[in-house]
């Protein structure tokens, strides 16, 4: 089994981080390693959908255990391998919020996938956390109102 984990601390509100992180369809906005992601049902343990890395094939996406506003697991199912992503939000010792993103790769093809996609994950995951933290720290877009005739 191969593992990798990275963290970032931000001044962003943990509720805002959680809202952005659990908006699966919005992942491509801030995650350079995801070109497409969607769920077939609302975000919750057991939800299923699909995801795709840039230039990669579509893979099955599953949401595992969820502890609202604190942690969740997502899994990408590849041929003969499974990527289990762990997402965690905690108060930072110095104030703010610490966001942690980890991955475990397992299965018979894990050694091959480790060589093929492991370096990309090690590059993309820290970039993704910075993108998530930046988006969460920015003010939300104002609501748009439409005049009804």
N, C-alpha and C. Protein backbone atom coordinates (compact mmCIF):
# COMPACT_ATOMS: atom_id res chain seq x y z
N UNK A 1 0.85 -1.17 0.00
CA UNK A 1 0.00 0.00 0.00
C UNK A 1 0.90 1.24 0.00
N UNK A 2 0.48 2.24 -0.76
CA UNK A 2 1.20 3.51 -0.85
C UNK A 2 0.33 4.60 -0.23
N UNK A 3 0.95 5.52 0.51
CA UNK A 3 0.23 6.61 1.16
C UNK A 3 0.93 7.94 0.92
N UNK A 4 0.12 8.99 0.89
CA UNK A 4 0.64 10.36 0.80
C UNK A 4 -0.37 11.25 1.51
N UNK A 5 0.13 12.28 2.24
CA UNK A 5 -0.75 13.21 2.95
C UNK A 5 -0.13 14.59 2.95
N UNK A 6 -0.97 15.60 2.89
CA UNK A 6 -0.50 16.99 2.92
C UNK A 6 -1.54 17.83 3.66
N UNK A 7 -1.10 18.93 4.24
CA UNK A 7 -1.99 19.82 5.00
C UNK A 7 -1.68 21.27 4.68
N UNK A 8 -2.65 22.13 4.94
CA UNK A 8 -2.48 23.57 4.81
C UNK A 8 -3.32 24.21 5.91
N UNK A 9 -2.85 25.36 6.40
CA UNK A 9 -3.62 26.12 7.39
C UNK A 9 -4.09 27.41 6.73
N UNK A 10 -5.35 27.76 7.01
CA UNK A 10 -5.97 28.92 6.39
C UNK A 10 -6.79 29.68 7.43
N UNK A 11 -7.06 30.93 7.15
CA UNK A 11 -7.95 31.72 8.00
C UNK A 11 -9.41 31.47 7.65
N UNK A 12 -9.65 30.70 6.62
CA UNK A 12 -11.02 30.45 6.15
C UNK A 12 -11.86 29.76 7.22
N UNK A 13 -13.13 30.10 7.23
CA UNK A 13 -14.09 29.50 8.14
C UNK A 13 -14.26 28.01 7.82
N UNK A 14 -14.21 27.12 8.82
CA UNK A 14 -14.34 25.69 8.54
C UNK A 14 -15.65 25.32 7.84
N UNK A 15 -16.73 26.05 8.14
CA UNK A 15 -18.02 25.78 7.48
C UNK A 15 -17.92 26.04 5.98
N UNK A 16 -17.21 27.11 5.62
CA UNK A 16 -17.04 27.43 4.19
C UNK A 16 -16.15 26.39 3.52
N UNK A 17 -15.08 25.96 4.20
CA UNK A 17 -14.22 24.91 3.65
C UNK A 17 -15.06 23.66 3.40
N UNK A 18 -15.86 23.27 4.38
CA UNK A 18 -16.68 22.07 4.26
C UNK A 18 -17.66 22.20 3.08
N UNK A 19 -18.30 23.34 2.96
CA UNK A 19 -19.28 23.54 1.88
C UNK A 19 -18.62 23.39 0.51
N UNK A 20 -17.43 23.94 0.35
CA UNK A 20 -16.73 23.85 -0.94
C UNK A 20 -16.23 22.43 -1.17
N UNK A 21 -15.67 21.81 -0.13
CA UNK A 21 -15.10 20.47 -0.27
C UNK A 21 -16.16 19.42 -0.58
N UNK A 22 -17.37 19.60 -0.08
CA UNK A 22 -18.42 18.61 -0.31
C UNK A 22 -19.27 18.92 -1.54
N UNK A 23 -18.94 19.99 -2.25
CA UNK A 23 -19.58 20.30 -3.54
C UNK A 23 -18.79 19.59 -4.63
N UNK A 24 -19.06 18.30 -4.80
CA UNK A 24 -18.27 17.44 -5.68
C UNK A 24 -18.23 17.98 -7.11
N UNK A 25 -19.34 18.45 -7.61
CA UNK A 25 -19.38 18.97 -8.98
C UNK A 25 -18.43 20.17 -9.16
N UNK A 26 -18.17 20.91 -8.06
CA UNK A 26 -17.30 22.07 -8.12
C UNK A 26 -15.81 21.76 -7.95
N UNK A 27 -15.44 20.51 -7.68
CA UNK A 27 -14.03 20.17 -7.48
C UNK A 27 -13.12 20.68 -8.60
N UNK A 28 -13.49 20.56 -9.88
CA UNK A 28 -12.58 21.03 -10.93
C UNK A 28 -12.24 22.52 -10.85
N UNK A 29 -13.05 23.32 -10.16
CA UNK A 29 -12.77 24.77 -10.03
C UNK A 29 -11.47 25.03 -9.30
N UNK A 30 -11.12 24.17 -8.35
CA UNK A 30 -9.95 24.44 -7.51
C UNK A 30 -8.94 23.29 -7.46
N UNK A 31 -9.28 22.14 -8.01
CA UNK A 31 -8.41 20.95 -7.95
C UNK A 31 -7.81 20.68 -9.33
N UNK A 32 -6.49 20.88 -9.51
CA UNK A 32 -5.88 20.70 -10.83
C UNK A 32 -5.87 19.24 -11.30
N UNK A 33 -6.11 18.29 -10.41
CA UNK A 33 -6.09 16.88 -10.79
C UNK A 33 -7.46 16.31 -11.09
N UNK A 34 -8.48 17.16 -11.13
CA UNK A 34 -9.84 16.69 -11.42
C UNK A 34 -10.42 17.53 -12.54
N UNK A 35 -10.74 16.86 -13.65
CA UNK A 35 -11.36 17.53 -14.79
C UNK A 35 -12.88 17.45 -14.72
N UNK A 36 -13.39 16.43 -14.07
CA UNK A 36 -14.84 16.22 -13.95
C UNK A 36 -15.10 15.40 -12.70
N UNK A 37 -16.18 15.74 -11.99
CA UNK A 37 -16.63 14.96 -10.83
C UNK A 37 -18.11 15.21 -10.63
N UNK A 38 -18.83 14.17 -10.30
CA UNK A 38 -20.26 14.32 -10.04
C UNK A 38 -20.75 13.15 -9.19
N UNK A 39 -21.86 13.39 -8.51
CA UNK A 39 -22.53 12.35 -7.73
C UNK A 39 -23.93 12.19 -8.28
N UNK A 40 -24.46 10.98 -8.16
CA UNK A 40 -25.81 10.69 -8.63
C UNK A 40 -26.87 11.04 -7.59
N UNK A 41 -26.45 11.34 -6.37
CA UNK A 41 -27.37 11.68 -5.29
C UNK A 41 -26.68 12.72 -4.40
N UNK A 42 -27.38 13.29 -3.43
CA UNK A 42 -26.74 14.28 -2.55
C UNK A 42 -25.53 13.70 -1.82
N UNK A 43 -24.62 14.59 -1.45
CA UNK A 43 -23.40 14.19 -0.75
C UNK A 43 -23.76 13.54 0.58
N UNK A 44 -23.39 12.27 0.74
CA UNK A 44 -23.60 11.52 1.98
C UNK A 44 -22.88 10.19 1.83
N UNK A 45 -22.64 9.53 2.95
CA UNK A 45 -22.01 8.21 2.88
C UNK A 45 -22.83 7.30 1.98
N UNK A 46 -22.16 6.61 1.08
CA UNK A 46 -22.81 5.70 0.15
C UNK A 46 -23.12 6.32 -1.20
N UNK A 47 -23.01 7.65 -1.32
CA UNK A 47 -23.28 8.29 -2.61
C UNK A 47 -22.26 7.79 -3.64
N UNK A 48 -22.71 7.66 -4.88
CA UNK A 48 -21.85 7.20 -5.96
C UNK A 48 -21.90 8.19 -7.11
N UNK A 49 -20.84 8.16 -7.88
CA UNK A 49 -20.77 9.03 -9.03
C UNK A 49 -19.56 8.67 -9.86
N UNK A 50 -18.96 9.68 -10.48
CA UNK A 50 -17.77 9.43 -11.30
C UNK A 50 -16.84 10.64 -11.21
N UNK A 51 -15.59 10.39 -11.54
CA UNK A 51 -14.60 11.47 -11.61
C UNK A 51 -13.63 11.13 -12.73
N UNK A 52 -12.92 12.18 -13.17
CA UNK A 52 -11.94 11.98 -14.23
C UNK A 52 -10.81 12.98 -14.04
N UNK A 53 -9.58 12.47 -14.11
CA UNK A 53 -8.40 13.34 -14.07
C UNK A 53 -8.20 13.92 -15.47
N UNK A 54 -7.51 15.06 -15.59
CA UNK A 54 -7.25 15.61 -16.92
C UNK A 54 -6.56 14.58 -17.82
N UNK A 55 -7.14 14.33 -18.96
CA UNK A 55 -6.57 13.38 -19.91
C UNK A 55 -6.74 11.93 -19.53
N UNK A 56 -7.41 11.66 -18.41
CA UNK A 56 -7.56 10.29 -17.94
C UNK A 56 -8.94 9.73 -18.20
N UNK A 57 -9.10 8.43 -17.96
CA UNK A 57 -10.41 7.81 -18.13
C UNK A 57 -11.32 8.12 -16.93
N UNK A 58 -12.58 7.98 -17.14
CA UNK A 58 -13.56 8.16 -16.07
C UNK A 58 -13.40 7.00 -15.08
N UNK A 59 -13.51 7.30 -13.80
CA UNK A 59 -13.45 6.25 -12.78
C UNK A 59 -14.66 6.37 -11.86
N UNK A 60 -15.01 5.28 -11.25
CA UNK A 60 -16.13 5.27 -10.32
C UNK A 60 -15.71 6.03 -9.06
N UNK A 61 -16.62 6.83 -8.52
CA UNK A 61 -16.39 7.61 -7.32
C UNK A 61 -17.42 7.19 -6.28
N UNK A 62 -16.95 6.94 -5.06
CA UNK A 62 -17.84 6.59 -3.95
C UNK A 62 -17.51 7.47 -2.75
N UNK A 63 -18.54 7.86 -2.03
CA UNK A 63 -18.33 8.59 -0.78
C UNK A 63 -18.43 7.57 0.35
N UNK A 64 -17.38 7.53 1.17
CA UNK A 64 -17.34 6.61 2.30
C UNK A 64 -17.83 7.30 3.56
N UNK A 65 -17.29 6.92 4.70
CA UNK A 65 -17.75 7.51 5.96
C UNK A 65 -17.65 9.04 5.96
N UNK A 66 -18.66 9.67 6.55
CA UNK A 66 -18.75 11.13 6.63
C UNK A 66 -19.01 11.52 8.08
N UNK A 67 -18.23 12.44 8.60
CA UNK A 67 -18.51 13.08 9.89
C UNK A 67 -18.69 14.55 9.55
N UNK A 68 -19.94 15.01 9.43
CA UNK A 68 -20.21 16.36 8.93
C UNK A 68 -19.34 17.45 9.56
N UNK A 69 -18.85 18.31 8.67
CA UNK A 69 -18.03 19.47 9.00
C UNK A 69 -16.66 19.10 9.58
N UNK A 70 -16.28 17.82 9.53
CA UNK A 70 -14.98 17.41 10.07
C UNK A 70 -14.19 16.53 9.11
N UNK A 71 -14.80 15.46 8.61
CA UNK A 71 -14.03 14.51 7.81
C UNK A 71 -14.94 13.70 6.89
N UNK A 72 -14.38 13.28 5.77
CA UNK A 72 -15.06 12.32 4.90
C UNK A 72 -14.03 11.58 4.08
N UNK A 73 -14.47 10.47 3.52
CA UNK A 73 -13.62 9.64 2.67
C UNK A 73 -14.27 9.57 1.30
N UNK A 74 -13.45 9.67 0.26
CA UNK A 74 -13.93 9.42 -1.10
C UNK A 74 -13.01 8.37 -1.70
N UNK A 75 -13.57 7.54 -2.56
CA UNK A 75 -12.80 6.47 -3.19
C UNK A 75 -12.95 6.55 -4.69
N UNK A 76 -11.83 6.40 -5.39
CA UNK A 76 -11.83 6.27 -6.85
C UNK A 76 -11.46 4.81 -7.13
N UNK A 77 -12.29 4.16 -7.91
CA UNK A 77 -12.09 2.75 -8.21
C UNK A 77 -11.49 2.64 -9.61
N UNK A 78 -10.28 2.11 -9.68
CA UNK A 78 -9.56 1.91 -10.93
C UNK A 78 -9.46 0.41 -11.20
N UNK A 79 -9.09 0.01 -12.41
CA UNK A 79 -8.92 -1.42 -12.66
C UNK A 79 -7.85 -2.00 -11.74
N UNK A 80 -8.24 -2.93 -10.88
CA UNK A 80 -7.35 -3.64 -9.96
C UNK A 80 -6.66 -2.74 -8.95
N UNK A 81 -7.23 -1.56 -8.69
CA UNK A 81 -6.67 -0.67 -7.68
C UNK A 81 -7.77 0.24 -7.14
N UNK A 82 -7.53 0.71 -5.93
CA UNK A 82 -8.47 1.62 -5.27
C UNK A 82 -7.68 2.75 -4.65
N UNK A 83 -8.15 3.98 -4.88
CA UNK A 83 -7.57 5.15 -4.24
C UNK A 83 -8.57 5.63 -3.20
N UNK A 84 -8.15 5.66 -1.96
CA UNK A 84 -9.00 6.07 -0.85
C UNK A 84 -8.48 7.42 -0.35
N UNK A 85 -9.25 8.47 -0.61
CA UNK A 85 -8.87 9.83 -0.24
C UNK A 85 -9.52 10.20 1.09
N UNK A 86 -8.71 10.71 2.01
CA UNK A 86 -9.21 11.13 3.32
C UNK A 86 -9.13 12.65 3.40
N UNK A 87 -10.23 13.27 3.80
CA UNK A 87 -10.37 14.72 3.86
C UNK A 87 -10.69 15.09 5.32
N UNK A 88 -9.92 16.00 5.89
CA UNK A 88 -10.11 16.33 7.30
C UNK A 88 -9.97 17.85 7.51
N UNK A 89 -10.85 18.39 8.36
CA UNK A 89 -10.85 19.80 8.73
C UNK A 89 -10.75 19.87 10.25
N UNK A 90 -9.76 20.65 10.75
CA UNK A 90 -9.56 20.77 12.20
C UNK A 90 -9.20 22.20 12.56
N UNK A 91 -9.52 22.63 13.79
CA UNK A 91 -9.05 23.94 14.23
C UNK A 91 -7.52 23.93 14.30
N UNK A 92 -6.90 24.98 13.84
CA UNK A 92 -5.43 25.09 13.89
C UNK A 92 -5.02 25.58 15.28
N UNK A 93 -3.88 25.12 15.75
CA UNK A 93 -3.38 25.55 17.06
C UNK A 93 -3.19 27.05 17.13
N UNK A 94 -2.76 27.65 16.02
CA UNK A 94 -2.49 29.09 15.99
C UNK A 94 -3.70 29.91 15.57
N UNK A 95 -4.86 29.27 15.49
CA UNK A 95 -6.06 29.93 15.00
C UNK A 95 -6.27 29.56 13.54
N UNK A 96 -7.46 29.72 13.05
CA UNK A 96 -7.75 29.35 11.67
C UNK A 96 -8.14 27.88 11.58
N UNK A 97 -7.96 27.34 10.40
CA UNK A 97 -8.40 25.99 10.09
C UNK A 97 -7.28 25.23 9.39
N UNK A 98 -7.03 24.00 9.82
CA UNK A 98 -6.08 23.13 9.14
C UNK A 98 -6.88 22.15 8.29
N UNK A 99 -6.53 22.08 7.01
CA UNK A 99 -7.17 21.18 6.06
C UNK A 99 -6.15 20.12 5.68
N UNK A 100 -6.52 18.85 5.83
CA UNK A 100 -5.61 17.75 5.52
C UNK A 100 -6.24 16.87 4.45
N UNK A 101 -5.41 16.45 3.52
CA UNK A 101 -5.84 15.67 2.36
C UNK A 101 -4.86 14.52 2.21
N UNK A 102 -5.35 13.30 2.30
CA UNK A 102 -4.47 12.14 2.19
C UNK A 102 -5.02 11.12 1.22
N UNK A 103 -4.15 10.22 0.76
CA UNK A 103 -4.57 9.17 -0.16
C UNK A 103 -3.85 7.88 0.21
N UNK A 104 -4.57 6.78 0.08
CA UNK A 104 -4.00 5.44 0.21
C UNK A 104 -4.34 4.69 -1.08
N UNK A 105 -3.35 4.07 -1.67
CA UNK A 105 -3.55 3.32 -2.90
C UNK A 105 -3.33 1.84 -2.58
N UNK A 106 -4.31 0.99 -2.95
CA UNK A 106 -4.20 -0.43 -2.67
C UNK A 106 -4.72 -1.24 -3.85
N UNK A 107 -4.47 -2.53 -3.81
CA UNK A 107 -4.92 -3.44 -4.85
C UNK A 107 -3.75 -4.00 -5.63
N UNK A 108 -3.99 -5.05 -6.42
CA UNK A 108 -2.92 -5.71 -7.16
C UNK A 108 -2.16 -4.79 -8.12
N UNK A 109 -2.85 -3.81 -8.69
CA UNK A 109 -2.19 -2.90 -9.64
C UNK A 109 -1.64 -1.64 -8.97
N UNK A 110 -1.71 -1.56 -7.63
CA UNK A 110 -1.23 -0.37 -6.93
C UNK A 110 0.24 -0.04 -7.23
N UNK A 111 1.16 -1.03 -7.29
CA UNK A 111 2.55 -0.67 -7.61
C UNK A 111 2.68 0.01 -8.98
N UNK A 112 1.93 -0.45 -9.95
CA UNK A 112 1.95 0.17 -11.28
C UNK A 112 1.37 1.58 -11.22
N UNK A 113 0.18 1.72 -10.61
CA UNK A 113 -0.44 3.04 -10.52
C UNK A 113 0.39 3.99 -9.68
N UNK A 114 1.09 3.47 -8.68
CA UNK A 114 1.98 4.32 -7.86
C UNK A 114 3.02 5.00 -8.74
N UNK A 115 3.59 4.23 -9.67
CA UNK A 115 4.61 4.80 -10.57
C UNK A 115 3.99 5.73 -11.61
N UNK A 116 2.79 5.39 -12.06
CA UNK A 116 2.16 6.16 -13.13
C UNK A 116 1.51 7.44 -12.61
N UNK A 117 0.68 7.32 -11.56
CA UNK A 117 -0.06 8.50 -11.11
C UNK A 117 0.40 9.03 -9.75
N UNK A 118 1.21 8.27 -9.02
CA UNK A 118 1.69 8.72 -7.72
C UNK A 118 2.37 10.08 -7.77
N UNK A 119 3.31 10.31 -8.72
CA UNK A 119 3.96 11.63 -8.78
C UNK A 119 2.98 12.77 -9.05
N UNK A 120 1.95 12.50 -9.87
CA UNK A 120 0.95 13.54 -10.13
C UNK A 120 0.14 13.85 -8.87
N UNK A 121 -0.23 12.80 -8.12
CA UNK A 121 -0.96 13.02 -6.88
C UNK A 121 -0.12 13.84 -5.89
N UNK A 122 1.16 13.53 -5.80
CA UNK A 122 2.04 14.27 -4.90
C UNK A 122 2.18 15.74 -5.30
N UNK A 123 2.01 16.04 -6.58
CA UNK A 123 2.07 17.42 -7.06
C UNK A 123 0.69 18.09 -6.94
N UNK A 124 -0.37 17.38 -7.36
CA UNK A 124 -1.70 17.96 -7.42
C UNK A 124 -2.34 18.18 -6.05
N UNK A 125 -2.12 17.27 -5.11
CA UNK A 125 -2.81 17.38 -3.83
C UNK A 125 -2.45 18.65 -3.05
N UNK A 126 -1.16 19.03 -2.93
CA UNK A 126 -0.86 20.31 -2.27
C UNK A 126 -1.43 21.50 -3.05
N UNK A 127 -1.38 21.44 -4.38
CA UNK A 127 -1.96 22.52 -5.19
C UNK A 127 -3.47 22.61 -4.95
N UNK A 128 -4.12 21.46 -4.86
CA UNK A 128 -5.56 21.42 -4.62
C UNK A 128 -5.90 22.05 -3.27
N UNK A 129 -5.15 21.73 -2.25
CA UNK A 129 -5.41 22.32 -0.93
C UNK A 129 -5.23 23.82 -0.95
N UNK A 130 -4.20 24.31 -1.65
CA UNK A 130 -4.02 25.76 -1.75
C UNK A 130 -5.21 26.39 -2.48
N UNK A 131 -5.67 25.74 -3.55
CA UNK A 131 -6.82 26.24 -4.28
C UNK A 131 -8.08 26.25 -3.42
N UNK A 132 -8.29 25.18 -2.67
CA UNK A 132 -9.44 25.10 -1.77
C UNK A 132 -9.36 26.18 -0.70
N UNK A 133 -8.19 26.32 -0.08
CA UNK A 133 -8.01 27.33 0.97
C UNK A 133 -8.23 28.74 0.43
N UNK A 134 -7.69 29.03 -0.75
CA UNK A 134 -7.86 30.35 -1.36
C UNK A 134 -9.33 30.63 -1.67
N UNK A 135 -10.02 29.64 -2.22
CA UNK A 135 -11.43 29.82 -2.54
C UNK A 135 -12.25 30.00 -1.27
N UNK A 136 -11.96 29.22 -0.24
CA UNK A 136 -12.70 29.32 1.02
C UNK A 136 -12.44 30.64 1.73
N UNK A 137 -11.25 31.20 1.57
CA UNK A 137 -10.90 32.46 2.23
C UNK A 137 -11.47 33.67 1.51
N UNK A 138 -11.83 33.50 0.23
CA UNK A 138 -12.38 34.63 -0.52
C UNK A 138 -13.86 34.79 -0.17
N UNK A 139 -14.37 36.01 -0.28
CA UNK A 139 -15.79 36.20 0.04
C UNK A 139 -16.66 35.45 -0.96
N UNK A 140 -17.76 34.89 -0.48
CA UNK A 140 -18.66 34.20 -1.42
C UNK A 140 -19.22 35.18 -2.44
N UNK A 141 -19.51 34.67 -3.61
CA UNK A 141 -20.09 35.51 -4.67
C UNK A 141 -21.46 36.01 -4.21
N UNK A 142 -21.77 37.26 -4.51
CA UNK A 142 -23.08 37.77 -4.10
C UNK A 142 -24.20 37.04 -4.84
N UNK A 143 -25.33 36.96 -4.18
CA UNK A 143 -26.50 36.33 -4.81
C UNK A 143 -26.93 37.17 -6.00
N UNK A 144 -27.38 36.49 -7.02
CA UNK A 144 -27.88 37.19 -8.20
C UNK A 144 -29.40 37.14 -8.18
N UNK A 145 -29.98 38.28 -8.34
CA UNK A 145 -31.43 38.38 -8.34
C UNK A 145 -31.89 38.69 -9.75
N UNK A 146 -32.95 38.06 -10.13
CA UNK A 146 -33.53 38.28 -11.46
C UNK A 146 -34.92 38.87 -11.29
N UNK A 147 -35.17 39.85 -12.09
CA UNK A 147 -36.48 40.48 -12.04
C UNK A 147 -37.46 39.61 -12.81
N UNK A 148 -38.55 39.29 -12.18
CA UNK A 148 -39.60 38.51 -12.84
C UNK A 148 -40.61 39.46 -13.44
N UNK A 149 -41.01 39.18 -14.64
CA UNK A 149 -42.00 40.06 -15.31
C UNK A 149 -43.39 39.62 -15.00
